[in-house]
Amino acid sequence: MVYLAAATVFVGLLGLLNLVLTLAVVRRLRTLKDGSGRRAPVRVVPGLRTVGSKAPHFAATTTTGRSAELASLAGRHAVIGFFSGTCEPCRDHLPGFVRVAGQLAEDSGQAIAVIRGTDEETADLLGLINDKVMVIREPEGGPVGTAFAVRTYPSLYLLDGSGTITSAAHVAEHLSLPVLR
């Protein structure tokens, strides 16, 4: 009986030591820094393209007849948002996207909203967008949504001047905006 009690205590202490070491490793991983001395940003957001990857090539025509493609964004920051007329959260989060677009427009940035749905479904969404945002209307499976492999709405991407995704989120307030001035 003494051996059984000693073995139980030993296994319990071993489990406690394992827990302490695991927590120490997790704490260390959270404080790892990237080469700039800042905390490394989270690189993966579920349902979105990976931060640090190149944005896919796309080409489309805006509602005003302008051409919009990845190459036209070269040399400046851009935010691209994907919204659906059948998505209730899109109505709540579109004003935040428009605010980000305004901030980027002040520094020669560009904003593109890709709106999916019928005229009836998207009328209220289009009413929330101002002239600082280029609008691309497309059906389900449209070229821009397909290029970005959009599966959830809203989906937002911030691109740097080289076309690299620097931030990705489902809510504009979660985008890591660059200091442009």
N, C-alpha and C. Protein backbone atom coordinates (compact mmCIF):
# COMPACT_ATOMS: atom_id res chain seq x y z
N MET A 1 0.82 -1.19 0.00
CA MET A 1 0.00 0.00 0.00
C MET A 1 0.86 1.25 0.00
N VAL A 2 1.99 1.21 0.69
CA VAL A 2 2.90 2.35 0.75
C VAL A 2 3.45 2.64 -0.65
N TYR A 3 3.77 1.60 -1.39
CA TYR A 3 4.30 1.78 -2.74
C TYR A 3 3.27 2.43 -3.67
N LEU A 4 2.05 2.06 -3.52
CA LEU A 4 0.97 2.63 -4.33
C LEU A 4 0.80 4.12 -4.03
N ALA A 5 0.83 4.49 -2.77
CA ALA A 5 0.72 5.90 -2.38
C ALA A 5 1.93 6.69 -2.89
N ALA A 6 3.11 6.13 -2.79
CA ALA A 6 4.32 6.82 -3.26
C ALA A 6 4.27 6.99 -4.78
N ALA A 7 3.81 5.96 -5.50
CA ALA A 7 3.71 6.06 -6.95
C ALA A 7 2.69 7.11 -7.36
N THR A 8 1.58 7.19 -6.64
CA THR A 8 0.55 8.19 -6.94
C THR A 8 1.09 9.60 -6.73
N VAL A 9 1.80 9.83 -5.64
CA VAL A 9 2.39 11.15 -5.37
C VAL A 9 3.43 11.47 -6.43
N PHE A 10 4.25 10.49 -6.80
CA PHE A 10 5.28 10.71 -7.82
C PHE A 10 4.66 11.11 -9.17
N VAL A 11 3.63 10.40 -9.60
CA VAL A 11 2.96 10.70 -10.87
C VAL A 11 2.30 12.08 -10.80
N GLY A 12 1.72 12.42 -9.67
CA GLY A 12 1.10 13.75 -9.50
C GLY A 12 2.13 14.86 -9.61
N LEU A 13 3.29 14.67 -8.95
CA LEU A 13 4.35 15.68 -9.02
C LEU A 13 4.91 15.78 -10.44
N LEU A 14 5.03 14.65 -11.12
CA LEU A 14 5.52 14.65 -12.49
C LEU A 14 4.55 15.41 -13.40
N GLY A 15 3.26 15.21 -13.22
CA GLY A 15 2.26 15.94 -13.99
C GLY A 15 2.30 17.44 -13.71
N LEU A 16 2.50 17.82 -12.45
CA LEU A 16 2.60 19.23 -12.08
C LEU A 16 3.84 19.87 -12.71
N LEU A 17 4.95 19.16 -12.71
CA LEU A 17 6.17 19.66 -13.35
C LEU A 17 5.95 19.85 -14.85
N ASN A 18 5.29 18.91 -15.48
CA ASN A 18 4.98 19.01 -16.91
C ASN A 18 4.12 20.24 -17.18
N LEU A 19 3.12 20.50 -16.36
CA LEU A 19 2.26 21.67 -16.53
C LEU A 19 3.05 22.97 -16.41
N VAL A 20 3.92 23.05 -15.41
CA VAL A 20 4.73 24.26 -15.21
C VAL A 20 5.64 24.50 -16.41
N LEU A 21 6.29 23.46 -16.90
CA LEU A 21 7.18 23.61 -18.05
C LEU A 21 6.39 24.00 -19.30
N THR A 22 5.22 23.42 -19.51
CA THR A 22 4.39 23.77 -20.67
C THR A 22 3.98 25.24 -20.61
N LEU A 23 3.56 25.71 -19.46
CA LEU A 23 3.19 27.12 -19.30
C LEU A 23 4.38 28.05 -19.54
N ALA A 24 5.57 27.62 -19.12
CA ALA A 24 6.78 28.43 -19.36
C ALA A 24 7.07 28.53 -20.86
N VAL A 25 6.89 27.45 -21.59
CA VAL A 25 7.12 27.47 -23.04
C VAL A 25 6.10 28.37 -23.72
N VAL A 26 4.83 28.28 -23.34
CA VAL A 26 3.79 29.12 -23.93
C VAL A 26 4.09 30.59 -23.65
N ARG A 27 4.49 30.90 -22.43
CA ARG A 27 4.83 32.29 -22.09
C ARG A 27 5.99 32.79 -22.94
N ARG A 28 6.99 31.96 -23.14
CA ARG A 28 8.15 32.34 -23.96
C ARG A 28 7.73 32.56 -25.41
N LEU A 29 6.89 31.71 -25.95
CA LEU A 29 6.44 31.86 -27.33
C LEU A 29 5.66 33.16 -27.52
N ARG A 30 4.90 33.56 -26.51
CA ARG A 30 4.13 34.80 -26.62
C ARG A 30 5.02 36.04 -26.61
N THR A 31 6.18 35.95 -26.07
CA THR A 31 7.06 37.13 -25.99
C THR A 31 8.14 37.14 -27.05
N LEU A 32 8.16 36.15 -27.96
CA LEU A 32 9.15 36.17 -29.03
C LEU A 32 8.98 37.42 -29.87
N LYS A 33 10.08 37.97 -30.29
CA LYS A 33 10.04 39.21 -31.07
C LYS A 33 10.54 38.93 -32.47
N ASP A 34 10.02 39.75 -33.41
CA ASP A 34 10.53 39.62 -34.78
C ASP A 34 11.80 40.46 -34.90
N GLY A 35 12.37 40.56 -36.08
CA GLY A 35 13.63 41.26 -36.28
C GLY A 35 13.59 42.74 -35.95
N SER A 36 12.42 43.37 -35.90
CA SER A 36 12.33 44.80 -35.64
C SER A 36 12.32 45.12 -34.16
N GLY A 37 12.30 44.12 -33.29
CA GLY A 37 12.26 44.38 -31.86
C GLY A 37 10.85 44.47 -31.31
N ARG A 38 9.84 44.45 -32.18
CA ARG A 38 8.45 44.46 -31.74
C ARG A 38 7.97 43.03 -31.59
N ARG A 39 6.88 42.88 -30.85
CA ARG A 39 6.28 41.56 -30.76
C ARG A 39 5.86 41.11 -32.15
N ALA A 40 6.09 39.86 -32.45
CA ALA A 40 5.69 39.32 -33.75
C ALA A 40 4.16 39.30 -33.82
N PRO A 41 3.57 39.85 -34.90
CA PRO A 41 2.11 39.85 -35.00
C PRO A 41 1.57 38.45 -35.27
N VAL A 42 0.31 38.27 -34.94
CA VAL A 42 -0.34 37.01 -35.26
C VAL A 42 -0.43 36.91 -36.78
N ARG A 43 0.00 35.81 -37.32
CA ARG A 43 0.09 35.67 -38.76
C ARG A 43 -1.10 34.96 -39.38
N VAL A 44 -1.91 34.29 -38.60
CA VAL A 44 -3.01 33.51 -39.17
C VAL A 44 -4.33 33.96 -38.55
N VAL A 45 -5.26 34.32 -39.39
CA VAL A 45 -6.62 34.63 -38.97
C VAL A 45 -7.51 33.62 -39.66
N PRO A 46 -8.29 32.85 -38.89
CA PRO A 46 -9.11 31.81 -39.51
C PRO A 46 -9.99 32.34 -40.65
N GLY A 47 -9.98 31.64 -41.78
CA GLY A 47 -10.81 32.00 -42.92
C GLY A 47 -10.22 33.07 -43.81
N LEU A 48 -9.01 33.56 -43.50
CA LEU A 48 -8.40 34.63 -44.31
C LEU A 48 -7.04 34.20 -44.82
N ARG A 49 -6.59 34.88 -45.87
CA ARG A 49 -5.25 34.63 -46.42
C ARG A 49 -4.21 35.00 -45.37
N THR A 50 -3.05 34.41 -45.46
CA THR A 50 -2.00 34.58 -44.48
C THR A 50 -1.32 35.94 -44.60
N VAL A 51 -1.15 36.59 -43.44
CA VAL A 51 -0.40 37.84 -43.38
C VAL A 51 1.04 37.54 -43.78
N GLY A 52 1.62 38.40 -44.60
CA GLY A 52 2.98 38.21 -45.08
C GLY A 52 3.03 37.60 -46.48
N SER A 53 1.90 37.08 -46.95
CA SER A 53 1.88 36.51 -48.30
C SER A 53 1.54 37.61 -49.32
N LYS A 54 1.85 37.35 -50.54
CA LYS A 54 1.51 38.29 -51.61
C LYS A 54 0.02 38.20 -51.92
N ALA A 55 -0.58 39.33 -52.17
CA ALA A 55 -1.99 39.35 -52.58
C ALA A 55 -2.09 38.73 -53.97
N PRO A 56 -3.15 38.02 -54.25
CA PRO A 56 -3.28 37.41 -55.57
C PRO A 56 -3.61 38.46 -56.63
N HIS A 57 -3.24 38.15 -57.86
CA HIS A 57 -3.58 39.05 -58.96
C HIS A 57 -5.08 39.04 -59.17
N PHE A 58 -5.63 40.21 -59.42
CA PHE A 58 -7.05 40.31 -59.76
C PHE A 58 -7.23 41.45 -60.75
N ALA A 59 -8.28 41.40 -61.48
CA ALA A 59 -8.63 42.47 -62.41
C ALA A 59 -10.15 42.51 -62.50
N ALA A 60 -10.69 43.71 -62.36
CA ALA A 60 -12.15 43.88 -62.41
C ALA A 60 -12.45 45.31 -62.80
N THR A 61 -13.71 45.58 -63.03
CA THR A 61 -14.17 46.92 -63.37
C THR A 61 -15.05 47.43 -62.24
N THR A 62 -14.82 48.67 -61.83
CA THR A 62 -15.60 49.25 -60.74
C THR A 62 -16.98 49.69 -61.24
N THR A 63 -17.82 50.09 -60.31
CA THR A 63 -19.17 50.54 -60.67
C THR A 63 -19.13 51.84 -61.46
N THR A 64 -18.01 52.56 -61.41
CA THR A 64 -17.87 53.80 -62.18
C THR A 64 -17.18 53.56 -63.53
N GLY A 65 -16.86 52.30 -63.83
CA GLY A 65 -16.24 51.97 -65.11
C GLY A 65 -14.72 51.99 -65.10
N ARG A 66 -14.11 52.27 -63.95
CA ARG A 66 -12.65 52.26 -63.86
C ARG A 66 -12.14 50.84 -63.75
N SER A 67 -10.92 50.65 -64.21
CA SER A 67 -10.26 49.36 -64.08
C SER A 67 -9.61 49.28 -62.71
N ALA A 68 -9.76 48.16 -62.04
CA ALA A 68 -9.12 47.94 -60.74
C ALA A 68 -8.38 46.62 -60.80
N GLU A 69 -7.10 46.68 -60.52
CA GLU A 69 -6.28 45.47 -60.50
C GLU A 69 -5.15 45.65 -59.51
N LEU A 70 -4.53 44.56 -59.15
CA LEU A 70 -3.47 44.60 -58.15
C LEU A 70 -2.33 45.52 -58.59
N ALA A 71 -1.97 45.49 -59.85
CA ALA A 71 -0.86 46.32 -60.34
C ALA A 71 -1.15 47.81 -60.17
N SER A 72 -2.42 48.21 -60.21
CA SER A 72 -2.75 49.64 -60.07
C SER A 72 -2.57 50.13 -58.63
N LEU A 73 -2.38 49.22 -57.69
CA LEU A 73 -2.19 49.60 -56.29
C LEU A 73 -0.72 49.72 -55.92
N ALA A 74 0.16 49.39 -56.85
CA ALA A 74 1.59 49.38 -56.56
C ALA A 74 2.08 50.73 -56.05
N GLY A 75 2.91 50.66 -55.03
CA GLY A 75 3.53 51.87 -54.50
C GLY A 75 2.72 52.58 -53.43
N ARG A 76 1.56 52.07 -53.09
CA ARG A 76 0.77 52.71 -52.03
C ARG A 76 0.01 51.67 -51.22
N HIS A 77 -0.32 52.04 -50.01
CA HIS A 77 -1.10 51.15 -49.16
C HIS A 77 -2.52 51.05 -49.70
N ALA A 78 -3.13 49.92 -49.47
CA ALA A 78 -4.51 49.72 -49.93
C ALA A 78 -5.23 48.82 -48.93
N VAL A 79 -6.52 49.02 -48.86
CA VAL A 79 -7.38 48.13 -48.08
C VAL A 79 -8.43 47.59 -49.03
N ILE A 80 -8.63 46.27 -48.96
CA ILE A 80 -9.62 45.61 -49.79
C ILE A 80 -10.59 44.91 -48.85
N GLY A 81 -11.88 45.20 -49.02
CA GLY A 81 -12.90 44.59 -48.18
C GLY A 81 -13.90 43.82 -49.01
N PHE A 82 -14.29 42.67 -48.52
CA PHE A 82 -15.28 41.83 -49.20
C PHE A 82 -16.53 41.79 -48.34
N PHE A 83 -17.66 42.17 -48.94
CA PHE A 83 -18.93 42.25 -48.24
C PHE A 83 -20.00 41.56 -49.07
N SER A 84 -21.01 41.03 -48.38
CA SER A 84 -22.10 40.34 -49.06
C SER A 84 -23.42 40.97 -48.67
N GLY A 85 -24.32 41.05 -49.63
CA GLY A 85 -25.64 41.61 -49.37
C GLY A 85 -26.49 40.74 -48.46
N THR A 86 -26.12 39.48 -48.28
CA THR A 86 -26.88 38.59 -47.40
C THR A 86 -26.21 38.42 -46.04
N CYS A 87 -25.23 39.26 -45.74
CA CYS A 87 -24.45 39.16 -44.50
C CYS A 87 -24.83 40.29 -43.55
N GLU A 88 -25.49 39.97 -42.44
CA GLU A 88 -25.87 41.00 -41.47
C GLU A 88 -24.67 41.68 -40.83
N PRO A 89 -23.62 40.95 -40.41
CA PRO A 89 -22.45 41.62 -39.84
C PRO A 89 -21.78 42.60 -40.81
N CYS A 90 -21.94 42.37 -42.11
CA CYS A 90 -21.36 43.28 -43.10
C CYS A 90 -21.94 44.69 -42.94
N ARG A 91 -23.22 44.77 -42.65
CA ARG A 91 -23.87 46.08 -42.46
C ARG A 91 -23.32 46.79 -41.23
N ASP A 92 -22.99 46.02 -40.21
CA ASP A 92 -22.44 46.61 -38.99
C ASP A 92 -21.00 47.06 -39.16
N HIS A 93 -20.22 46.32 -39.96
CA HIS A 93 -18.78 46.57 -40.05
C HIS A 93 -18.35 47.39 -41.26
N LEU A 94 -19.24 47.63 -42.20
CA LEU A 94 -18.89 48.44 -43.36
C LEU A 94 -18.51 49.88 -42.98
N PRO A 95 -19.18 50.54 -42.03
CA PRO A 95 -18.75 51.90 -41.66
C PRO A 95 -17.30 51.95 -41.13
N GLY A 96 -16.86 50.93 -40.42
CA GLY A 96 -15.46 50.87 -39.97
C GLY A 96 -14.51 50.78 -41.14
N PHE A 97 -14.88 50.00 -42.14
CA PHE A 97 -14.08 49.89 -43.36
C PHE A 97 -13.99 51.24 -44.06
N VAL A 98 -15.10 51.96 -44.13
CA VAL A 98 -15.11 53.28 -44.78
C VAL A 98 -14.22 54.26 -44.01
N ARG A 99 -14.19 54.16 -42.68
CA ARG A 99 -13.28 55.02 -41.88
C ARG A 99 -11.82 54.72 -42.22
N VAL A 100 -11.48 53.44 -42.30
CA VAL A 100 -10.11 53.06 -42.66
C VAL A 100 -9.79 53.57 -44.06
N ALA A 101 -10.72 53.47 -44.98
CA ALA A 101 -10.52 53.97 -46.34
C ALA A 101 -10.24 55.47 -46.31
N GLY A 102 -10.95 56.20 -45.47
CA GLY A 102 -10.72 57.64 -45.35
C GLY A 102 -9.34 57.95 -44.82
N GLN A 103 -8.88 57.17 -43.84
CA GLN A 103 -7.54 57.38 -43.30
C GLN A 103 -6.48 57.12 -44.36
N LEU A 104 -6.65 56.07 -45.13
CA LEU A 104 -5.68 55.77 -46.18
C LEU A 104 -5.73 56.81 -47.30
N ALA A 105 -6.92 57.29 -47.64
CA ALA A 105 -7.07 58.28 -48.71
C ALA A 105 -6.33 59.57 -48.37
N GLU A 106 -6.26 59.92 -47.08
CA GLU A 106 -5.53 61.12 -46.67
C GLU A 106 -4.04 61.01 -46.98
N ASP A 107 -3.54 59.79 -47.10
CA ASP A 107 -2.12 59.56 -47.38
C ASP A 107 -1.91 58.87 -48.71
N SER A 108 -2.75 59.15 -49.68
CA SER A 108 -2.66 58.61 -51.04
C SER A 108 -2.85 57.10 -51.10
N GLY A 109 -3.51 56.54 -50.12
CA GLY A 109 -3.82 55.12 -50.15
C GLY A 109 -5.06 54.87 -50.99
N GLN A 110 -5.39 53.63 -51.14
CA GLN A 110 -6.53 53.25 -51.98
C GLN A 110 -7.41 52.27 -51.22
N ALA A 111 -8.71 52.31 -51.48
CA ALA A 111 -9.65 51.38 -50.87
C ALA A 111 -10.55 50.80 -51.94
N ILE A 112 -10.76 49.49 -51.84
CA ILE A 112 -11.64 48.79 -52.76
C ILE A 112 -12.62 47.95 -51.94
N ALA A 113 -13.89 48.13 -52.20
CA ALA A 113 -14.93 47.29 -51.59
C ALA A 113 -15.48 46.38 -52.66
N VAL A 114 -15.44 45.09 -52.40
CA VAL A 114 -16.00 44.11 -53.32
C VAL A 114 -17.33 43.67 -52.71
N ILE A 115 -18.41 44.01 -53.41
CA ILE A 115 -19.76 43.76 -52.90
C ILE A 115 -20.40 42.64 -53.71
N ARG A 116 -20.85 41.61 -53.03
CA ARG A 116 -21.47 40.46 -53.67
C ARG A 116 -22.96 40.47 -53.38
N GLY A 117 -23.76 40.26 -54.40
CA GLY A 117 -25.19 40.14 -54.21
C GLY A 117 -25.99 40.87 -55.27
N THR A 118 -27.30 40.72 -55.19
CA THR A 118 -28.20 41.37 -56.16
C THR A 118 -28.37 42.84 -55.81
N ASP A 119 -28.98 43.58 -56.72
CA ASP A 119 -29.23 45.01 -56.48
C ASP A 119 -30.04 45.23 -55.20
N GLU A 120 -31.06 44.41 -55.00
CA GLU A 120 -31.91 44.55 -53.81
C GLU A 120 -31.14 44.23 -52.54
N GLU A 121 -30.32 43.20 -52.57
CA GLU A 121 -29.57 42.79 -51.38
C GLU A 121 -28.49 43.79 -50.99
N THR A 122 -27.92 44.49 -51.96
CA THR A 122 -26.76 45.34 -51.69
C THR A 122 -27.06 46.83 -51.66
N ALA A 123 -28.29 47.23 -51.89
CA ALA A 123 -28.61 48.67 -51.96
C ALA A 123 -28.21 49.41 -50.69
N ASP A 124 -28.52 48.85 -49.52
CA ASP A 124 -28.18 49.53 -48.27
C ASP A 124 -26.67 49.56 -48.04
N LEU A 125 -25.95 48.51 -48.46
CA LEU A 125 -24.49 48.51 -48.34
C LEU A 125 -23.88 49.61 -49.20
N LEU A 126 -24.34 49.71 -50.43
CA LEU A 126 -23.80 50.72 -51.34
C LEU A 126 -24.08 52.13 -50.82
N GLY A 127 -25.17 52.31 -50.10
CA GLY A 127 -25.49 53.62 -49.54
C GLY A 127 -24.55 54.04 -48.42
N LEU A 128 -23.82 53.10 -47.82
CA LEU A 128 -22.89 53.41 -46.74
C LEU A 128 -21.49 53.79 -47.24
N ILE A 129 -21.24 53.60 -48.53
CA ILE A 129 -19.90 53.80 -49.08
C ILE A 129 -19.79 55.20 -49.67
N ASN A 130 -18.66 55.86 -49.41
CA ASN A 130 -18.44 57.20 -49.96
C ASN A 130 -17.53 57.15 -51.19
N ASP A 131 -17.21 58.32 -51.72
CA ASP A 131 -16.44 58.39 -52.97
C ASP A 131 -14.95 58.06 -52.79
N LYS A 132 -14.49 57.82 -51.56
CA LYS A 132 -13.09 57.44 -51.35
C LYS A 132 -12.86 55.95 -51.56
N VAL A 133 -13.94 55.23 -51.79
CA VAL A 133 -13.86 53.78 -51.95
C VAL A 133 -14.28 53.39 -53.36
N MET A 134 -13.43 52.64 -54.05
CA MET A 134 -13.81 52.08 -55.35
C MET A 134 -14.65 50.84 -55.06
N VAL A 135 -15.74 50.69 -55.80
CA VAL A 135 -16.66 49.58 -55.56
C VAL A 135 -16.65 48.63 -56.76
N ILE A 136 -16.49 47.35 -56.46
CA ILE A 136 -16.59 46.30 -57.47
C ILE A 136 -17.79 45.45 -57.08
N ARG A 137 -18.74 45.33 -57.98
CA ARG A 137 -19.90 44.45 -57.75
C ARG A 137 -19.63 43.16 -58.49
N GLU A 138 -19.85 42.05 -57.81
CA GLU A 138 -19.68 40.77 -58.47
C GLU A 138 -20.60 39.72 -57.86
N PRO A 139 -20.93 38.71 -58.65
CA PRO A 139 -21.79 37.63 -58.15
C PRO A 139 -20.97 36.66 -57.30
N GLU A 140 -21.66 35.72 -56.71
CA GLU A 140 -20.99 34.63 -56.00
C GLU A 140 -20.02 33.96 -56.97
N GLY A 141 -18.78 33.75 -56.54
CA GLY A 141 -17.79 33.13 -57.40
C GLY A 141 -17.18 34.10 -58.41
N GLY A 142 -17.30 35.42 -58.13
CA GLY A 142 -16.72 36.43 -59.01
C GLY A 142 -15.21 36.38 -59.01
N PRO A 143 -14.56 37.07 -59.95
CA PRO A 143 -13.11 36.95 -60.13
C PRO A 143 -12.28 37.44 -58.93
N VAL A 144 -12.67 38.53 -58.29
CA VAL A 144 -11.86 39.05 -57.18
C VAL A 144 -12.05 38.17 -55.95
N GLY A 145 -13.30 37.83 -55.64
CA GLY A 145 -13.56 36.95 -54.51
C GLY A 145 -12.90 35.59 -54.68
N THR A 146 -12.90 35.09 -55.91
CA THR A 146 -12.25 33.81 -56.19
C THR A 146 -10.74 33.93 -56.03
N ALA A 147 -10.14 35.03 -56.51
CA ALA A 147 -8.69 35.21 -56.40
C ALA A 147 -8.26 35.23 -54.93
N PHE A 148 -9.05 35.86 -54.08
CA PHE A 148 -8.72 35.94 -52.66
C PHE A 148 -9.26 34.74 -51.87
N ALA A 149 -9.96 33.82 -52.54
CA ALA A 149 -10.54 32.63 -51.91
C ALA A 149 -11.42 33.01 -50.72
N VAL A 150 -12.29 33.99 -50.92
CA VAL A 150 -13.16 34.47 -49.85
C VAL A 150 -14.20 33.42 -49.52
N ARG A 151 -14.27 33.07 -48.23
CA ARG A 151 -15.25 32.10 -47.75
C ARG A 151 -16.15 32.69 -46.67
N THR A 152 -15.68 33.76 -46.03
CA THR A 152 -16.46 34.38 -44.96
C THR A 152 -16.55 35.88 -45.20
N TYR A 153 -17.64 36.47 -44.74
CA TYR A 153 -17.87 37.90 -44.91
C TYR A 153 -18.13 38.53 -43.56
N PRO A 154 -17.68 39.75 -43.34
CA PRO A 154 -16.74 40.49 -44.15
C PRO A 154 -15.32 39.93 -44.01
N SER A 155 -14.52 40.13 -45.03
CA SER A 155 -13.10 39.78 -45.03
C SER A 155 -12.34 41.02 -45.49
N LEU A 156 -11.37 41.45 -44.69
CA LEU A 156 -10.64 42.68 -44.97
C LEU A 156 -9.14 42.42 -45.02
N TYR A 157 -8.47 43.05 -45.98
CA TYR A 157 -7.04 42.90 -46.15
C TYR A 157 -6.39 44.27 -46.30
N LEU A 158 -5.29 44.48 -45.61
CA LEU A 158 -4.49 45.67 -45.77
C LEU A 158 -3.23 45.26 -46.52
N LEU A 159 -2.93 45.98 -47.61
CA LEU A 159 -1.76 45.67 -48.44
C LEU A 159 -0.76 46.80 -48.35
N ASP A 160 0.52 46.46 -48.41
CA ASP A 160 1.54 47.52 -48.49
C ASP A 160 1.79 47.85 -49.95
N GLY A 161 2.74 48.73 -50.21
CA GLY A 161 3.01 49.19 -51.57
C GLY A 161 3.51 48.12 -52.51
N SER A 162 4.00 47.00 -51.96
CA SER A 162 4.49 45.92 -52.82
C SER A 162 3.43 44.84 -53.07
N GLY A 163 2.24 45.03 -52.51
CA GLY A 163 1.18 44.05 -52.71
C GLY A 163 1.19 42.91 -51.70
N THR A 164 1.94 43.08 -50.62
CA THR A 164 2.00 42.07 -49.57
C THR A 164 0.90 42.34 -48.56
N ILE A 165 0.23 41.30 -48.11
CA ILE A 165 -0.81 41.43 -47.09
C ILE A 165 -0.13 41.70 -45.75
N THR A 166 -0.39 42.87 -45.19
CA THR A 166 0.24 43.23 -43.92
C THR A 166 -0.71 43.04 -42.74
N SER A 167 -1.99 42.92 -43.01
CA SER A 167 -2.97 42.71 -41.95
C SER A 167 -4.22 42.12 -42.57
N ALA A 168 -4.87 41.24 -41.83
CA ALA A 168 -6.12 40.61 -42.30
C ALA A 168 -7.05 40.47 -41.11
N ALA A 169 -8.31 40.78 -41.33
CA ALA A 169 -9.28 40.71 -40.23
C ALA A 169 -10.69 40.62 -40.79
N HIS A 170 -11.62 40.33 -39.91
CA HIS A 170 -13.03 40.33 -40.29
C HIS A 170 -13.70 41.64 -39.87
N VAL A 171 -12.99 42.43 -39.07
CA VAL A 171 -13.50 43.69 -38.55
C VAL A 171 -12.43 44.76 -38.78
N ALA A 172 -12.80 45.92 -39.29
CA ALA A 172 -11.82 46.96 -39.62
C ALA A 172 -11.00 47.39 -38.40
N GLU A 173 -11.62 47.40 -37.24
CA GLU A 173 -10.91 47.82 -36.03
C GLU A 173 -9.77 46.87 -35.67
N HIS A 174 -9.76 45.67 -36.22
CA HIS A 174 -8.70 44.72 -35.94
C HIS A 174 -7.56 44.78 -36.95
N LEU A 175 -7.68 45.60 -37.97
CA LEU A 175 -6.58 45.76 -38.93
C LEU A 175 -5.46 46.56 -38.28
N SER A 176 -4.23 46.18 -38.54
CA SER A 176 -3.08 46.91 -38.03
C SER A 176 -2.68 47.95 -39.08
N LEU A 177 -3.17 49.16 -38.88
CA LEU A 177 -2.91 50.23 -39.85
C LEU A 177 -1.47 50.71 -39.74
N PRO A 178 -0.85 51.02 -40.86
CA PRO A 178 0.53 51.54 -40.84
C PRO A 178 0.55 52.99 -40.39
N VAL A 179 1.68 53.41 -39.84
CA VAL A 179 1.86 54.82 -39.55
C VAL A 179 2.37 55.44 -40.84
N LEU A 180 1.55 56.24 -41.46
CA LEU A 180 1.86 56.74 -42.80
C LEU A 180 2.51 58.12 -42.80
N ARG A 181 2.34 58.86 -41.77
CA ARG A 181 2.89 60.23 -41.77
C ARG A 181 4.19 60.31 -41.05
